[in-house]
């Protein structure tokens, strides 16, 4: 069914190499977010991208299993997690360090699971997207269909770091453009 172990091990890196090339071609923040979600599909059955702003993590979009007839992508846009209160989300955002495993229960993780449904999900992953040493987004992933623990995440972590750098470049370019435009403005 699958190739030799060495080939299996190389597969995520080959996939990653192609996605990193796409990332290097640049684009705006939206295109980068879409690419992050495309990569997340290779690792998780369900994933959500949260944008971090004003000490909150707001659901931007996602894919995967959702309760009843709901669409996860729409559902998560109604989810906001305050980062001022203790939670796994706050920890990952502040420490800028990935979490993978079975977390101890906390109120806000409970809130999220209450909204999106736990199903078979046991272990989960929460990765920070960092730009200018600030967490600007959080990527959540789990496997609610099979209940498998997410694995082989090194490639995903590398990609998410690079996505943070790409976003940093987008923001930097915008700033430079604004400065140039100001310099070019005719004096009155």
C-alpha atoms as a PDB file:
ATOM      1  CA  UNK A   1       0.000   0.000   0.000  1.00  0.00           C
ATOM      2  CA  UNK A   2       2.759   2.479   0.858  1.00  0.00           C
ATOM      3  CA  UNK A   3       6.333   2.720  -0.382  1.00  0.00           C
ATOM      4  CA  UNK A   4       9.533   1.903   1.498  1.00  0.00           C
ATOM      5  CA  UNK A   5       9.971   3.649   4.892  1.00  0.00           C
ATOM      6  CA  UNK A   6      12.579   6.075   3.540  1.00  0.00           C
ATOM      7  CA  UNK A   7      10.144   7.172   0.829  1.00  0.00           C
ATOM      8  CA  UNK A   8       7.367   7.590   3.418  1.00  0.00           C
ATOM      9  CA  UNK A   9       9.665   9.698   5.569  1.00  0.00           C
ATOM     10  CA  UNK A  10      10.620  11.887   2.608  1.00  0.00           C
ATOM     11  CA  UNK A  11       7.013  12.481   1.526  1.00  0.00           C
ATOM     12  CA  UNK A  12       6.111  15.214   4.059  1.00  0.00           C
ATOM     13  CA  UNK A  13       9.362  16.996   3.248  1.00  0.00           C
ATOM     14  CA  UNK A  14       8.744  16.885  -0.499  1.00  0.00           C
ATOM     15  CA  UNK A  15       5.245  18.265   0.109  1.00  0.00           C
ATOM     16  CA  UNK A  16       6.728  20.884   2.440  1.00  0.00           C
ATOM     17  CA  UNK A  17       9.358  21.916  -0.093  1.00  0.00           C
ATOM     18  CA  UNK A  18       6.634  22.647  -2.670  1.00  0.00           C
ATOM     19  CA  UNK A  19       4.539  24.609  -0.162  1.00  0.00           C
ATOM     20  CA  UNK A  20       7.585  26.601   0.955  1.00  0.00           C
ATOM     21  CA  UNK A  21       8.182  27.546  -2.680  1.00  0.00           C
ATOM     22  CA  UNK A  22       4.586  28.797  -2.865  1.00  0.00           C
ATOM     23  CA  UNK A  23       5.173  30.757   0.317  1.00  0.00           C
ATOM     24  CA  UNK A  24       8.308  32.376  -1.129  1.00  0.00           C
ATOM     25  CA  UNK A  25       6.345  33.576  -4.141  1.00  0.00           C
ATOM     26  CA  UNK A  26       4.798  35.974  -1.673  1.00  0.00           C
ATOM     27  CA  UNK A  27       1.264  37.171  -1.608  1.00  0.00           C
ATOM     28  CA  UNK A  28      -0.862  38.943   0.920  1.00  0.00           C
ATOM     29  CA  UNK A  29      -1.783  37.845   4.439  1.00  0.00           C
ATOM     30  CA  UNK A  30      -4.925  36.078   3.138  1.00  0.00           C
ATOM     31  CA  UNK A  31      -2.993  33.962   0.638  1.00  0.00           C
ATOM     32  CA  UNK A  32      -0.541  32.976   3.363  1.00  0.00           C
ATOM     33  CA  UNK A  33      -3.422  31.995   5.695  1.00  0.00           C
ATOM     34  CA  UNK A  34      -4.947  29.859   2.914  1.00  0.00           C
ATOM     35  CA  UNK A  35      -1.596  28.149   2.363  1.00  0.00           C
ATOM     36  CA  UNK A  36      -1.247  27.431   6.101  1.00  0.00           C
ATOM     37  CA  UNK A  37      -4.674  25.752   6.072  1.00  0.00           C
ATOM     38  CA  UNK A  38      -3.754  23.781   2.947  1.00  0.00           C
ATOM     39  CA  UNK A  39      -0.679  22.444   4.738  1.00  0.00           C
ATOM     40  CA  UNK A  40      -2.687  21.739   7.924  1.00  0.00           C
ATOM     41  CA  UNK A  41      -4.908  19.369   5.883  1.00  0.00           C
ATOM     42  CA  UNK A  42      -1.900  17.102   5.431  1.00  0.00           C
ATOM     43  CA  UNK A  43      -1.523  16.712   9.198  1.00  0.00           C
ATOM     44  CA  UNK A  44      -4.974  16.974  10.777  1.00  0.00           C
ATOM     45  CA  UNK A  45      -8.542  15.829  10.152  1.00  0.00           C
ATOM     46  CA  UNK A  46      -9.718  19.131  11.604  1.00  0.00           C
ATOM     47  CA  UNK A  47      -7.942  22.448  11.942  1.00  0.00           C
ATOM     48  CA  UNK A  48      -8.746  26.037  12.894  1.00  0.00           C
ATOM     49  CA  UNK A  49      -6.771  29.206  12.325  1.00  0.00           C
ATOM     50  CA  UNK A  50      -7.176  31.863  15.018  1.00  0.00           C
ATOM     51  CA  UNK A  51      -6.029  35.453  14.537  1.00  0.00           C
ATOM     52  CA  UNK A  52      -4.491  37.025  17.627  1.00  0.00           C
ATOM     53  CA  UNK A  53      -5.389  40.671  18.115  1.00  0.00           C
ATOM     54  CA  UNK A  54      -6.185  42.904  21.098  1.00  0.00           C
ATOM     55  CA  UNK A  55      -5.453  40.081  23.551  1.00  0.00           C
ATOM     56  CA  UNK A  56      -7.984  37.755  21.893  1.00  0.00           C
ATOM     57  CA  UNK A  57      -7.783  34.754  19.606  1.00  0.00           C
ATOM     58  CA  UNK A  58     -10.607  34.968  17.031  1.00  0.00           C
ATOM     59  CA  UNK A  59     -11.528  32.108  14.746  1.00  0.00           C
ATOM     60  CA  UNK A  60     -10.719  33.018  11.136  1.00  0.00           C
ATOM     61  CA  UNK A  61     -11.530  29.745   9.399  1.00  0.00           C
ATOM     62  CA  UNK A  62     -11.163  26.013   9.524  1.00  0.00           C
ATOM     63  CA  UNK A  63     -12.036  22.624   8.083  1.00  0.00           C
ATOM     64  CA  UNK A  64     -13.150  19.253   9.383  1.00  0.00           C
ATOM     65  CA  UNK A  65     -15.837  17.686  11.505  1.00  0.00           C
ATOM     66  CA  UNK A  66     -18.422  19.963  13.157  1.00  0.00           C
ATOM     67  CA  UNK A  67     -21.561  19.286  15.182  1.00  0.00           C
ATOM     68  CA  UNK A  68     -24.864  18.536  13.443  1.00  0.00           C
ATOM     69  CA  UNK A  69     -25.295  20.336  10.119  1.00  0.00           C
ATOM     70  CA  UNK A  70     -22.833  23.097  10.913  1.00  0.00           C
ATOM     71  CA  UNK A  71     -19.872  24.087   8.754  1.00  0.00           C
ATOM     72  CA  UNK A  72     -16.715  24.391  10.831  1.00  0.00           C
ATOM     73  CA  UNK A  73     -15.407  27.233   8.663  1.00  0.00           C
ATOM     74  CA  UNK A  74     -18.434  29.390   9.565  1.00  0.00           C
ATOM     75  CA  UNK A  75     -18.801  28.096  13.105  1.00  0.00           C
ATOM     76  CA  UNK A  76     -15.266  29.097  14.166  1.00  0.00           C
ATOM     77  CA  UNK A  77     -15.831  32.701  13.133  1.00  0.00           C
ATOM     78  CA  UNK A  78     -18.155  32.972  16.123  1.00  0.00           C
ATOM     79  CA  UNK A  79     -15.462  31.707  18.532  1.00  0.00           C
ATOM     80  CA  UNK A  80     -13.366  34.205  20.491  1.00  0.00           C
ATOM     81  CA  UNK A  81     -10.942  33.191  23.224  1.00  0.00           C
ATOM     82  CA  UNK A  82      -9.698  35.883  25.613  1.00  0.00           C
ATOM     83  CA  UNK A  83      -5.927  35.639  26.071  1.00  0.00           C
ATOM     84  CA  UNK A  84      -6.016  37.618  29.309  1.00  0.00           C
ATOM     85  CA  UNK A  85      -7.347  34.550  31.132  1.00  0.00           C
ATOM     86  CA  UNK A  86      -5.299  31.413  31.885  1.00  0.00           C
ATOM     87  CA  UNK A  87      -5.615  28.809  29.121  1.00  0.00           C
ATOM     88  CA  UNK A  88      -3.586  26.661  26.752  1.00  0.00           C
ATOM     89  CA  UNK A  89      -4.191  29.344  24.107  1.00  0.00           C
ATOM     90  CA  UNK A  90      -2.666  32.061  26.284  1.00  0.00           C
ATOM     91  CA  UNK A  91       0.303  29.843  27.146  1.00  0.00           C
ATOM     92  CA  UNK A  92       1.125  29.056  23.499  1.00  0.00           C
ATOM     93  CA  UNK A  93       0.580  32.681  22.411  1.00  0.00           C
ATOM     94  CA  UNK A  94       2.730  34.170  25.190  1.00  0.00           C
ATOM     95  CA  UNK A  95       5.512  31.561  25.241  1.00  0.00           C
ATOM     96  CA  UNK A  96       5.507  31.357  21.404  1.00  0.00           C
ATOM     97  CA  UNK A  97       6.016  27.602  21.828  1.00  0.00           C
ATOM     98  CA  UNK A  98       4.012  24.826  20.194  1.00  0.00           C
ATOM     99  CA  UNK A  99       1.879  22.449  22.239  1.00  0.00           C
ATOM    100  CA  UNK A 100       1.243  18.845  21.216  1.00  0.00           C
ATOM    101  CA  UNK A 101      -0.450  16.174  23.299  1.00  0.00           C
ATOM    102  CA  UNK A 102      -3.366  15.808  25.697  1.00  0.00           C
ATOM    103  CA  UNK A 103      -3.701  19.097  27.560  1.00  0.00           C
ATOM    104  CA  UNK A 104      -5.064  19.417  31.052  1.00  0.00           C
ATOM    105  CA  UNK A 105      -8.627  20.692  30.813  1.00  0.00           C
ATOM    106  CA  UNK A 106      -9.069  24.438  30.929  1.00  0.00           C
ATOM    107  CA  UNK A 107     -12.131  26.621  30.619  1.00  0.00           C
ATOM    108  CA  UNK A 108     -11.371  28.011  27.151  1.00  0.00           C
ATOM    109  CA  UNK A 109     -10.342  24.711  25.611  1.00  0.00           C
ATOM    110  CA  UNK A 110     -13.579  23.344  27.056  1.00  0.00           C
ATOM    111  CA  UNK A 111     -15.434  26.270  25.491  1.00  0.00           C
ATOM    112  CA  UNK A 112     -13.892  25.560  22.069  1.00  0.00           C
ATOM    113  CA  UNK A 113     -14.581  21.811  22.256  1.00  0.00           C
ATOM    114  CA  UNK A 114     -18.129  22.577  23.380  1.00  0.00           C
ATOM    115  CA  UNK A 115     -18.615  24.604  20.207  1.00  0.00           C
ATOM    116  CA  UNK A 116     -16.846  22.355  17.682  1.00  0.00           C
ATOM    117  CA  UNK A 117     -17.509  18.929  19.282  1.00  0.00           C
ATOM    118  CA  UNK A 118     -14.928  16.614  20.792  1.00  0.00           C
ATOM    119  CA  UNK A 119     -15.947  13.464  18.845  1.00  0.00           C
ATOM    120  CA  UNK A 120     -12.992  10.994  18.955  1.00  0.00           C
ATOM    121  CA  UNK A 121     -10.438  13.744  19.547  1.00  0.00           C
ATOM    122  CA  UNK A 122      -7.873  13.056  22.281  1.00  0.00           C
ATOM    123  CA  UNK A 123      -4.563  14.733  21.541  1.00  0.00           C
ATOM    124  CA  UNK A 124      -4.342  18.138  19.911  1.00  0.00           C
ATOM    125  CA  UNK A 125      -1.792  20.547  18.537  1.00  0.00           C
ATOM    126  CA  UNK A 126      -1.627  24.302  18.973  1.00  0.00           C
ATOM    127  CA  UNK A 127       1.062  26.153  17.017  1.00  0.00           C
ATOM    128  CA  UNK A 128       1.911  29.856  17.212  1.00  0.00           C
ATOM    129  CA  UNK A 129       2.503  31.892  14.032  1.00  0.00           C
ATOM    130  CA  UNK A 130       5.058  34.456  15.067  1.00  0.00           C
ATOM    131  CA  UNK A 131       5.935  37.731  13.320  1.00  0.00           C
ATOM    132  CA  UNK A 132       8.140  40.422  14.879  1.00  0.00           C
ATOM    133  CA  UNK A 133       8.458  38.233  17.991  1.00  0.00           C
ATOM    134  CA  UNK A 134       4.685  38.485  18.526  1.00  0.00           C
ATOM    135  CA  UNK A 135       2.187  35.654  18.135  1.00  0.00           C
ATOM    136  CA  UNK A 136      -0.162  36.879  15.402  1.00  0.00           C
ATOM    137  CA  UNK A 137      -2.100  33.658  14.859  1.00  0.00           C
ATOM    138  CA  UNK A 138      -2.660  30.227  16.399  1.00  0.00           C
ATOM    139  CA  UNK A 139      -3.149  27.028  14.430  1.00  0.00           C
ATOM    140  CA  UNK A 140      -5.248  24.375  16.183  1.00  0.00           C
ATOM    141  CA  UNK A 141      -5.363  20.803  14.899  1.00  0.00           C
ATOM    142  CA  UNK A 142      -6.820  17.482  16.018  1.00  0.00           C
ATOM    143  CA  UNK A 143      -8.198  14.187  14.670  1.00  0.00           C
ATOM    144  CA  UNK A 144     -11.878  13.915  15.672  1.00  0.00           C
ATOM    145  CA  UNK A 145     -12.673  11.139  13.164  1.00  0.00           C
ATOM    146  CA  UNK A 146     -10.011   8.546  14.020  1.00  0.00           C
ATOM    147  CA  UNK A 147      -8.939   9.809  17.441  1.00  0.00           C
ATOM    148  CA  UNK A 148      -5.299   9.297  16.392  1.00  0.00           C
ATOM    149  CA  UNK A 149      -2.707  11.482  18.076  1.00  0.00           C
ATOM    150  CA  UNK A 150      -1.338  14.005  15.575  1.00  0.00           C
ATOM    151  CA  UNK A 151       2.154  12.924  14.502  1.00  0.00           C
ATOM    152  CA  UNK A 152       5.093  13.867  12.279  1.00  0.00           C
ATOM    153  CA  UNK A 153       4.718  17.539  13.095  1.00  0.00           C
ATOM    154  CA  UNK A 154       8.324  18.658  12.574  1.00  0.00           C
ATOM    155  CA  UNK A 155       7.614  19.539   8.947  1.00  0.00           C
ATOM    156  CA  UNK A 156       4.473  21.446   9.934  1.00  0.00           C
ATOM    157  CA  UNK A 157       6.352  23.404  12.619  1.00  0.00           C
ATOM    158  CA  UNK A 158       9.001  24.406  10.074  1.00  0.00           C
ATOM    159  CA  UNK A 159       6.291  25.545   7.672  1.00  0.00           C
ATOM    160  CA  UNK A 160       4.437  27.552  10.317  1.00  0.00           C
ATOM    161  CA  UNK A 161       7.682  29.315  11.303  1.00  0.00           C
ATOM    162  CA  UNK A 162       8.277  30.206   7.665  1.00  0.00           C
ATOM    163  CA  UNK A 163       4.681  31.411   7.290  1.00  0.00           C
ATOM    164  CA  UNK A 164       5.279  33.765  10.228  1.00  0.00           C
ATOM    165  CA  UNK A 165       8.367  35.107   8.475  1.00  0.00           C
ATOM    166  CA  UNK A 166       6.410  35.514   5.220  1.00  0.00           C
ATOM    167  CA  UNK A 167       3.726  37.490   7.085  1.00  0.00           C
ATOM    168  CA  UNK A 168       6.453  39.606   8.663  1.00  0.00           C
ATOM    169  CA  UNK A 169       7.673  40.439   5.147  1.00  0.00           C
ATOM    170  CA  UNK A 170       4.139  41.329   4.007  1.00  0.00           C
ATOM    171  CA  UNK A 171       3.761  43.743   6.934  1.00  0.00           C
ATOM    172  CA  UNK A 172       7.209  45.197   6.331  1.00  0.00           C
ATOM    173  CA  UNK A 173       6.463  45.767   2.648  1.00  0.00           C
ATOM    174  CA  UNK A 174       3.217  47.566   3.545  1.00  0.00           C
ATOM    175  CA  UNK A 175       5.113  49.837   5.959  1.00  0.00           C
ATOM    176  CA  UNK A 176       7.785  50.635   3.374  1.00  0.00           C
ATOM    177  CA  UNK A 177       5.117  51.318   0.756  1.00  0.00           C
ATOM    178  CA  UNK A 178       3.357  53.723   3.132  1.00  0.00           C
ATOM    179  CA  UNK A 179       6.640  55.565   3.796  1.00  0.00           C
ATOM    180  CA  UNK A 180       7.428  55.774   0.069  1.00  0.00           C
ATOM    181  CA  UNK A 181       3.928  57.034  -0.707  1.00  0.00           C
ATOM    182  CA  UNK A 182       4.266  59.690   1.985  1.00  0.00           C
ATOM    183  CA  UNK A 183       7.649  60.783   0.576  1.00  0.00           C
ATOM    184  CA  UNK A 184       6.171  61.003  -2.920  1.00  0.00           C
ATOM    185  CA  UNK A 185       3.153  63.039  -1.851  1.00  0.00           C
ATOM    186  CA  UNK A 186       3.256  66.527  -3.389  1.00  0.00           C
ATOM    187  CA  UNK A 187       3.949  69.309  -0.947  1.00  0.00           C
ATOM    188  CA  UNK A 188       1.122  71.779  -0.594  1.00  0.00           C
END
